């Protein structure tokens, strides 16, 4: 992350609402369990997020936003986007859908074009970058070409002997690693590369689940592994079990795997079981609507970005036939989105810009941006709200 620059402000703790949210009800396209949410708090929250995207675009110019100071909304930026660049491009596309404005669509296309250098980068996070940065670009030919190039490059990086696409060296550290955040986005990106890509996507997901899912004697997933000199996989100390954003990434990847439908290898029952295990062990339906960044420190900073990712993952699971907890997943997702919009999304008239999703935690152990606005938190909140309004089909993103 050496290319980061900009302002880092103090760790300001902004208050949270203690009022419990009632689960809402979503559009029929999310399944028969829930009926429509139109307008109201969903539309108003998406309006705030959309205006914030416009202010951010003016502030960052050709750079990419990473995290913003909760005191004044000033962004720390990167020149190439790092692993989060696709979420900025995705936010620009979501704004274009919300406003139906040609200039906003043009800005989104420019943002996606700026991701091209990551196509051949040695990193499994190219799934986060190049799937979410292109998947919403409906009708944009250049984005489609970029996605195809990225899918072929990801498939070329596939290592059959390991059963996965390695974490890679582009962001620093050992190349032969397997991390929970190297699965979401990469599953649908690989699957878009034809039958061989779909087989690689399933195997990549299953290999990570074999490593990360909790085994006997462990409660939470272990999100990070590395290949040692004996050619065995050994767990890394950080991120440690209880990293809630890593758990949300895993659930999102499992949901994407289930939405692939029939695949050349693997069993849908294995993924359904994995989803149910994650839901139970990680308390996705019973724990706090906005979880702590790490369960080892329940009184530490919370992470609204983990909550937003979880909400989208649960909405996706509600689309999958045969998931036993589909109805509960959909209801919980709406409750999470409502909590984020009501208690953590800034409103006009205060000391900060409206539309900031506060209380996101970038790196709790390192003390970096622990109560900030995070670009991927904004993205997943906007994506979930857009899905509730019927403007996005989560089966395609």
Protein backbone atom coordinates (compact mmCIF):
# COMPACT_ATOMS: atom_id res chain seq x y z
CA UNK A 1 0.00 0.00 0.00
CA UNK A 2 3.01 2.28 -0.45
CA UNK A 3 1.24 4.50 -2.97
CA UNK A 4 -1.21 5.85 -0.41
CA UNK A 5 -0.96 9.53 0.34
CA UNK A 6 -3.17 12.23 1.68
CA UNK A 7 -4.53 13.20 5.04
CA UNK A 8 -4.98 11.07 8.10
CA UNK A 9 -7.05 12.66 10.78
CA UNK A 10 -7.54 11.83 14.43
CA UNK A 11 -9.52 8.76 15.46
CA UNK A 12 -12.71 10.65 16.21
CA UNK A 13 -15.43 8.49 17.76
CA UNK A 14 -18.79 9.53 16.42
CA UNK A 15 -21.89 8.39 18.24
CA UNK A 16 -24.05 5.45 17.19
CA UNK A 17 -27.75 4.96 17.62
CA UNK A 18 -28.77 2.49 20.28
CA UNK A 19 -32.23 2.05 18.80
CA UNK A 20 -32.89 -1.39 17.35
CA UNK A 21 -33.98 -1.50 13.73
CA UNK A 22 -36.98 -3.43 12.58
CA UNK A 23 -36.26 -5.67 9.57
CA UNK A 24 -37.66 -4.13 6.42
CA UNK A 25 -39.06 -5.83 3.37
CA UNK A 26 -37.44 -5.82 -0.04
CA UNK A 27 -38.46 -6.05 -3.67
CA UNK A 28 -39.98 -9.17 -5.15
CA UNK A 29 -36.86 -9.79 -7.24
CA UNK A 30 -35.13 -10.74 -3.97
CA UNK A 31 -37.53 -13.64 -3.57
CA UNK A 32 -41.09 -14.38 -2.47
CA UNK A 33 -40.19 -14.07 1.21
CA UNK A 34 -40.18 -10.26 1.10
CA UNK A 35 -42.30 -7.66 -0.65
CA UNK A 36 -41.37 -4.19 -1.88
CA UNK A 37 -39.42 -1.36 -0.36
CA UNK A 38 -39.82 1.67 -2.61
CA UNK A 39 -38.73 5.20 -1.86
CA UNK A 40 -38.62 6.19 1.80
CA UNK A 41 -35.38 5.69 3.69
CA UNK A 42 -33.81 3.61 0.90
CA UNK A 43 -34.17 6.28 -1.77
CA UNK A 44 -33.14 9.05 0.62
CA UNK A 45 -29.99 7.22 1.71
CA UNK A 46 -29.04 6.49 -1.90
CA UNK A 47 -29.53 10.17 -2.71
CA UNK A 48 -27.05 11.09 0.02
CA UNK A 49 -24.53 8.53 -1.21
CA UNK A 50 -24.90 9.72 -4.79
CA UNK A 51 -24.25 13.34 -3.86
CA UNK A 52 -21.23 12.25 -1.84
CA UNK A 53 -19.85 10.45 -4.91
CA UNK A 54 -20.04 13.73 -6.82
CA UNK A 55 -18.20 15.64 -4.10
CA UNK A 56 -15.58 12.90 -3.89
CA UNK A 57 -15.03 12.97 -7.65
CA UNK A 58 -14.36 16.72 -7.52
CA UNK A 59 -11.96 16.28 -4.62
CA UNK A 60 -9.86 13.35 -5.88
CA UNK A 61 -9.69 14.16 -9.61
CA UNK A 62 -7.87 11.42 -11.48
CA UNK A 63 -6.80 9.66 -8.28
CA UNK A 64 -8.74 6.99 -6.38
CA UNK A 65 -10.30 7.51 -2.92
CA UNK A 66 -9.35 5.05 -0.20
CA UNK A 67 -10.57 6.35 3.17
CA UNK A 68 -11.83 9.72 4.40
CA UNK A 69 -11.29 11.57 7.67
CA UNK A 70 -14.48 11.43 9.76
CA UNK A 71 -13.97 15.02 10.92
CA UNK A 72 -14.02 16.78 7.55
CA UNK A 73 -14.47 14.15 4.82
CA UNK A 74 -11.06 14.68 3.22
CA UNK A 75 -9.91 11.58 1.36
CA UNK A 76 -6.62 9.74 1.50
CA UNK A 77 -6.07 8.67 -2.11
CA UNK A 78 -4.01 6.34 -4.26
CA UNK A 79 -2.66 6.94 -7.73
CA UNK A 80 -3.58 3.56 -9.25
CA UNK A 81 -6.43 2.49 -7.00
CA UNK A 82 -4.70 -0.27 -5.04
CA UNK A 83 -7.07 -3.17 -4.24
CA UNK A 84 -10.00 -0.76 -3.76
CA UNK A 85 -10.05 0.97 -7.16
CA UNK A 86 -12.85 -1.19 -8.52
CA UNK A 87 -15.17 -0.04 -5.75
CA UNK A 88 -14.69 3.59 -6.78
CA UNK A 89 -15.48 2.74 -10.39
CA UNK A 90 -18.46 0.69 -9.18
CA UNK A 91 -19.71 3.63 -7.11
CA UNK A 92 -19.53 5.85 -10.19
CA UNK A 93 -21.63 3.32 -12.12
CA UNK A 94 -24.17 3.10 -9.29
CA UNK A 95 -24.46 6.89 -9.28
CA UNK A 96 -25.03 6.82 -13.05
CA UNK A 97 -27.86 4.31 -12.59
CA UNK A 98 -29.37 6.39 -9.81
CA UNK A 99 -29.28 9.69 -11.70
CA UNK A 100 -29.60 8.43 -15.32
CA UNK A 101 -27.22 11.27 -16.23
CA UNK A 102 -25.03 10.94 -19.34
CA UNK A 103 -22.15 12.87 -17.78
CA UNK A 104 -22.20 10.54 -14.78
CA UNK A 105 -22.09 7.54 -17.09
CA UNK A 106 -19.13 9.08 -18.89
CA UNK A 107 -17.34 9.62 -15.56
CA UNK A 108 -17.97 5.99 -14.64
CA UNK A 109 -16.52 4.79 -17.94
CA UNK A 110 -13.41 6.89 -17.31
CA UNK A 111 -13.07 5.44 -13.82
CA UNK A 112 -13.27 1.90 -15.15
CA UNK A 113 -10.71 2.62 -17.88
CA UNK A 114 -8.29 3.68 -15.16
CA UNK A 115 -8.29 0.11 -13.81
CA UNK A 116 -6.67 -1.35 -16.95
CA UNK A 117 -3.12 -1.52 -15.49
CA UNK A 118 -4.34 -4.06 -12.93
CA UNK A 119 -5.29 -6.61 -15.59
CA UNK A 120 -1.88 -8.25 -15.58
CA UNK A 121 -0.93 -7.49 -11.97
CA UNK A 122 0.09 -10.49 -9.87
CA UNK A 123 -2.69 -10.34 -7.30
CA UNK A 124 -5.82 -12.32 -6.50
CA UNK A 125 -7.43 -9.00 -5.57
CA UNK A 126 -7.82 -8.31 -9.28
CA UNK A 127 -11.21 -9.93 -8.67
CA UNK A 128 -12.17 -7.10 -6.32
CA UNK A 129 -10.69 -4.54 -8.70
CA UNK A 130 -11.82 -5.74 -12.10
CA UNK A 131 -15.07 -7.52 -11.34
CA UNK A 132 -16.71 -4.81 -9.24
CA UNK A 133 -15.18 -2.13 -11.45
CA UNK A 134 -16.79 -3.56 -14.61
CA UNK A 135 -19.83 -5.65 -13.64
CA UNK A 136 -22.17 -2.66 -13.38
CA UNK A 137 -21.03 -1.13 -16.69
CA UNK A 138 -23.98 -2.45 -18.69
CA UNK A 139 -23.72 -1.52 -22.35
CA UNK A 140 -20.20 -0.10 -22.05
CA UNK A 141 -18.16 -1.91 -24.70
CA UNK A 142 -14.74 -0.87 -23.34
CA UNK A 143 -15.63 -2.16 -19.87
CA UNK A 144 -16.72 -5.47 -21.37
CA UNK A 145 -13.42 -5.81 -23.21
CA UNK A 146 -11.51 -5.01 -20.02
CA UNK A 147 -13.47 -7.61 -18.07
CA UNK A 148 -12.74 -10.27 -20.71
CA UNK A 149 -9.02 -9.45 -20.63
CA UNK A 150 -9.02 -9.59 -16.85
CA UNK A 151 -10.83 -12.93 -16.81
CA UNK A 152 -8.32 -14.47 -19.23
CA UNK A 153 -5.41 -13.10 -17.19
CA UNK A 154 -6.90 -14.45 -13.95
CA UNK A 155 -7.33 -17.86 -15.55
CA UNK A 156 -3.72 -17.77 -16.76
CA UNK A 157 -2.65 -17.15 -13.14
CA UNK A 158 -4.55 -20.24 -12.00
CA UNK A 159 -2.20 -22.89 -10.53
CA UNK A 160 -3.83 -26.35 -10.73
CA UNK A 161 -1.32 -27.97 -8.36
CA UNK A 162 -2.32 -25.51 -5.65
CA UNK A 163 -5.98 -25.51 -6.64
CA UNK A 164 -6.17 -21.71 -6.60
CA UNK A 165 -4.97 -18.40 -7.94
CA UNK A 166 -2.24 -17.36 -5.46
CA UNK A 167 -2.56 -14.14 -3.50
CA UNK A 168 0.35 -12.77 -5.52
CA UNK A 169 3.15 -10.30 -4.91
CA UNK A 170 1.74 -7.10 -6.40
CA UNK A 171 0.70 -5.69 -3.01
CA UNK A 172 3.78 -6.91 -1.15
CA UNK A 173 4.56 -9.94 0.97
CA UNK A 174 4.97 -13.60 -0.01
CA UNK A 175 3.32 -14.59 -3.26
CA UNK A 176 2.12 -18.07 -2.30
CA UNK A 177 -0.61 -17.14 0.10
CA UNK A 178 -4.35 -17.77 0.33
CA UNK A 179 -6.54 -15.10 1.92
CA UNK A 180 -10.26 -14.66 2.38
CA UNK A 181 -10.16 -11.36 0.48
CA UNK A 182 -8.63 -13.10 -2.52
CA UNK A 183 -11.88 -14.97 -3.27
CA UNK A 184 -14.77 -12.48 -3.67
CA UNK A 185 -14.93 -10.94 -7.12
CA UNK A 186 -12.46 -13.49 -8.45
CA UNK A 187 -15.09 -16.24 -8.42
CA UNK A 188 -17.46 -14.50 -10.89
CA UNK A 189 -14.53 -13.02 -12.84
CA UNK A 190 -12.98 -16.45 -13.43
CA UNK A 191 -16.39 -17.95 -14.19
CA UNK A 192 -16.88 -15.43 -16.99
CA UNK A 193 -13.94 -17.03 -18.86
CA UNK A 194 -15.98 -19.99 -20.16
CA UNK A 195 -16.13 -23.62 -18.94
CA UNK A 196 -12.45 -23.76 -17.97
CA UNK A 197 -12.87 -20.54 -16.04
CA UNK A 198 -15.97 -21.82 -14.25
CA UNK A 199 -14.09 -24.95 -13.17
CA UNK A 200 -11.19 -22.80 -11.89
CA UNK A 201 -13.63 -20.50 -10.06
CA UNK A 202 -15.24 -23.41 -8.21
CA UNK A 203 -11.89 -25.00 -7.34
CA UNK A 204 -10.46 -21.66 -6.17
CA UNK A 205 -13.45 -21.13 -3.89
CA UNK A 206 -13.44 -24.69 -2.55
CA UNK A 207 -9.69 -24.59 -1.83
CA UNK A 208 -10.07 -21.41 0.19
CA UNK A 209 -13.01 -22.88 2.09
CA UNK A 210 -10.96 -25.99 2.89
CA UNK A 211 -8.30 -23.75 4.39
CA UNK A 212 -10.37 -21.00 5.97
CA UNK A 213 -13.51 -22.62 7.34
CA UNK A 214 -13.34 -23.45 11.05
CA UNK A 215 -12.49 -27.03 11.84
CA UNK A 216 -12.78 -29.02 15.03
CA UNK A 217 -11.93 -26.99 18.08
CA UNK A 218 -12.19 -23.63 16.31
CA UNK A 219 -15.13 -21.27 16.28
CA UNK A 220 -14.22 -18.68 13.64
CA UNK A 221 -12.69 -18.95 10.16
CA UNK A 222 -8.94 -18.54 9.79
CA UNK A 223 -8.61 -16.00 6.98
CA UNK A 224 -4.94 -16.09 5.94
CA UNK A 225 -2.54 -18.91 4.98
CA UNK A 226 0.87 -19.19 3.37
CA UNK A 227 2.80 -21.95 1.62
CA UNK A 228 5.89 -22.93 3.64
CA UNK A 229 9.22 -24.42 2.58
CA UNK A 230 7.81 -27.93 3.04
CA UNK A 231 5.08 -27.12 0.50
CA UNK A 232 2.41 -27.26 3.18
CA UNK A 233 -0.13 -24.59 4.04
CA UNK A 234 0.32 -22.96 7.43
CA UNK A 235 -1.85 -20.27 9.02
CA UNK A 236 -0.59 -16.71 9.28
CA UNK A 237 -0.96 -14.81 12.56
CA UNK A 238 -2.61 -11.78 10.90
CA UNK A 239 -5.33 -11.25 9.99
CA UNK A 240 -6.35 -13.44 12.89
CA UNK A 241 -9.55 -15.43 13.34
CA UNK A 242 -12.39 -13.10 14.25
CA UNK A 243 -11.62 -10.58 11.47
CA UNK A 244 -15.22 -9.81 10.63
CA UNK A 245 -14.56 -8.27 7.22
CA UNK A 246 -12.73 -11.45 6.21
CA UNK A 247 -15.74 -13.48 7.33
CA UNK A 248 -18.02 -11.25 5.27
CA UNK A 249 -15.74 -11.69 2.23
CA UNK A 250 -16.02 -15.47 2.59
CA UNK A 251 -19.81 -15.37 2.83
CA UNK A 252 -19.97 -13.15 -0.25
CA UNK A 253 -17.76 -15.57 -2.20
CA UNK A 254 -19.89 -18.54 -1.18
CA UNK A 255 -23.03 -16.70 -2.29
CA UNK A 256 -21.42 -15.97 -5.65
CA UNK A 257 -20.44 -19.62 -5.99
CA UNK A 258 -24.01 -20.72 -5.33
CA UNK A 259 -25.34 -18.23 -7.87
CA UNK A 260 -23.14 -19.80 -10.55
CA UNK A 261 -25.55 -22.73 -10.58
CA UNK A 262 -24.44 -25.99 -12.20
CA UNK A 263 -20.66 -26.13 -12.48
CA UNK A 264 -18.20 -28.56 -14.03
CA UNK A 265 -16.86 -29.58 -10.62
CA UNK A 266 -17.92 -29.38 -7.04
CA UNK A 267 -21.26 -29.87 -5.33
CA UNK A 268 -23.81 -27.13 -4.58
CA UNK A 269 -24.55 -28.95 -1.32
CA UNK A 270 -20.99 -28.27 -0.16
CA UNK A 271 -21.46 -24.56 -0.69
CA UNK A 272 -24.89 -24.56 0.97
CA UNK A 273 -23.33 -26.29 3.98
CA UNK A 274 -20.50 -23.75 3.97
CA UNK A 275 -23.00 -20.88 3.92
CA UNK A 276 -24.93 -22.34 6.83
CA UNK A 277 -21.72 -22.95 8.78
CA UNK A 278 -20.54 -19.37 8.25
CA UNK A 279 -23.96 -17.98 9.16
CA UNK A 280 -23.97 -19.95 12.42
CA UNK A 281 -20.31 -19.58 13.47
CA UNK A 282 -19.96 -15.92 12.49
CA UNK A 283 -23.38 -14.96 13.89
CA UNK A 284 -24.45 -13.23 10.68
CA UNK A 285 -28.13 -13.48 11.67
CA UNK A 286 -27.80 -13.13 15.44
CA UNK A 287 -24.81 -10.91 16.20
CA UNK A 288 -24.58 -7.10 16.19
CA UNK A 289 -25.95 -5.44 13.06
CA UNK A 290 -22.61 -3.61 12.84
CA UNK A 291 -19.93 -5.98 14.17
CA UNK A 292 -16.63 -5.13 15.81
CA UNK A 293 -13.71 -5.13 13.38
CA UNK A 294 -12.29 -8.05 15.35
CA UNK A 295 -14.20 -10.32 17.69
CA UNK A 296 -11.13 -10.65 19.91
CA UNK A 297 -11.72 -7.01 20.83
CA UNK A 298 -15.51 -6.66 21.12
CA UNK A 299 -15.19 -3.19 22.66
CA UNK A 300 -12.85 -2.00 19.91
CA UNK A 301 -13.80 -0.16 16.71
CA UNK A 302 -16.73 -1.46 14.71
CA UNK A 303 -16.63 -1.93 10.96
CA UNK A 304 -19.55 -0.66 8.91
CA UNK A 305 -17.84 -1.94 5.76
CA UNK A 306 -18.04 -5.51 7.10
CA UNK A 307 -21.73 -4.94 7.79
CA UNK A 308 -22.37 -3.60 4.27
CA UNK A 309 -20.56 -6.54 2.64
CA UNK A 310 -22.53 -8.93 4.83
CA UNK A 311 -25.83 -7.32 3.81
CA UNK A 312 -25.08 -7.82 0.11
CA UNK A 313 -23.95 -11.40 0.72
CA UNK A 314 -27.18 -12.16 2.59
CA UNK A 315 -29.29 -10.59 -0.17
CA UNK A 316 -27.49 -12.82 -2.67
CA UNK A 317 -28.08 -15.91 -0.55
CA UNK A 318 -31.79 -15.03 -0.49
CA UNK A 319 -31.76 -15.45 -4.28
CA UNK A 320 -30.42 -19.03 -4.15
CA UNK A 321 -33.04 -21.79 -4.36
CA UNK A 322 -32.77 -24.27 -1.53
CA UNK A 323 -30.92 -22.14 1.02
CA UNK A 324 -32.75 -23.03 4.26
CA UNK A 325 -32.37 -19.58 5.83
CA UNK A 326 -33.20 -17.53 2.72
CA UNK A 327 -36.07 -15.61 4.31
CA UNK A 328 -34.07 -14.81 7.44
CA UNK A 329 -31.10 -13.75 5.28
CA UNK A 330 -33.19 -11.24 3.33
CA UNK A 331 -34.83 -9.77 6.44
CA UNK A 332 -31.50 -9.47 8.24
CA UNK A 333 -29.90 -7.79 5.22
CA UNK A 334 -32.56 -5.09 5.16
CA UNK A 335 -32.15 -4.56 8.90
CA UNK A 336 -28.40 -4.09 8.47
CA UNK A 337 -28.84 -1.66 5.59
CA UNK A 338 -31.39 0.33 7.58
CA UNK A 339 -29.04 0.54 10.58
CA UNK A 340 -26.19 1.75 8.38
CA UNK A 341 -28.35 4.37 6.66
CA UNK A 342 -30.00 5.55 9.87
CA UNK A 343 -27.13 5.55 12.37
CA UNK A 344 -23.88 5.75 10.41
CA UNK A 345 -24.57 7.71 7.20
CA UNK A 346 -24.05 11.45 7.69
CA UNK A 347 -26.82 13.91 6.92
CA UNK A 348 -26.77 17.45 5.61
CA UNK A 349 -26.34 20.30 8.04
CA UNK A 350 -23.52 18.89 10.16
CA UNK A 351 -19.78 19.58 10.27
CA UNK A 352 -19.08 16.91 7.64
CA UNK A 353 -20.38 16.30 4.14
CA UNK A 354 -23.61 14.33 3.85
CA UNK A 355 -23.44 10.75 2.58
CA UNK A 356 -20.34 9.57 4.47
CA UNK A 357 -20.66 6.01 5.81
CA UNK A 358 -18.70 6.46 9.04
CA UNK A 359 -17.29 3.90 11.49
CA UNK A 360 -15.49 1.82 8.90
CA UNK A 361 -12.29 0.17 10.12
CA UNK A 362 -9.50 -0.25 7.60
CA UNK A 363 -6.82 -1.78 9.85
CA UNK A 364 -7.52 -2.16 13.56
CA UNK A 365 -4.20 -3.85 14.53
CA UNK A 366 -2.22 -1.14 12.73
CA UNK A 367 -4.45 1.69 13.95
CA UNK A 368 -5.07 2.96 10.41
CA UNK A 369 -8.41 4.60 9.59
CA UNK A 370 -10.32 2.87 12.37
CA UNK A 371 -13.48 5.06 12.39
CA UNK A 372 -13.45 6.38 8.86
CA UNK A 373 -15.42 6.44 5.66
CA UNK A 374 -14.12 3.62 3.43
CA UNK A 375 -14.70 3.55 -0.31
CA UNK A 376 -15.70 -0.13 -0.32
CA UNK A 377 -18.11 0.43 2.57
CA UNK A 378 -19.81 3.17 0.54
CA UNK A 379 -19.91 0.85 -2.47
CA UNK A 380 -21.55 -2.11 -0.76
CA UNK A 381 -24.08 0.09 1.02
CA UNK A 382 -24.99 1.72 -2.31
CA UNK A 383 -25.13 -1.69 -4.00
CA UNK A 384 -27.45 -3.12 -1.36
CA UNK A 385 -29.75 -0.09 -1.47
CA UNK A 386 -29.80 -0.17 -5.28
CA UNK A 387 -30.81 -3.83 -5.15
CA UNK A 388 -33.70 -3.03 -2.81
CA UNK A 389 -34.91 -0.43 -5.31
CA UNK A 390 -34.70 -2.91 -8.20
CA UNK A 391 -31.96 -1.00 -10.01
CA UNK A 392 -29.40 -3.79 -9.71
CA UNK A 393 -29.77 -7.54 -10.17
CA UNK A 394 -27.45 -9.05 -7.59
CA UNK A 395 -27.37 -12.26 -9.58
CA UNK A 396 -25.28 -10.40 -12.15
CA UNK A 397 -22.93 -8.35 -9.94
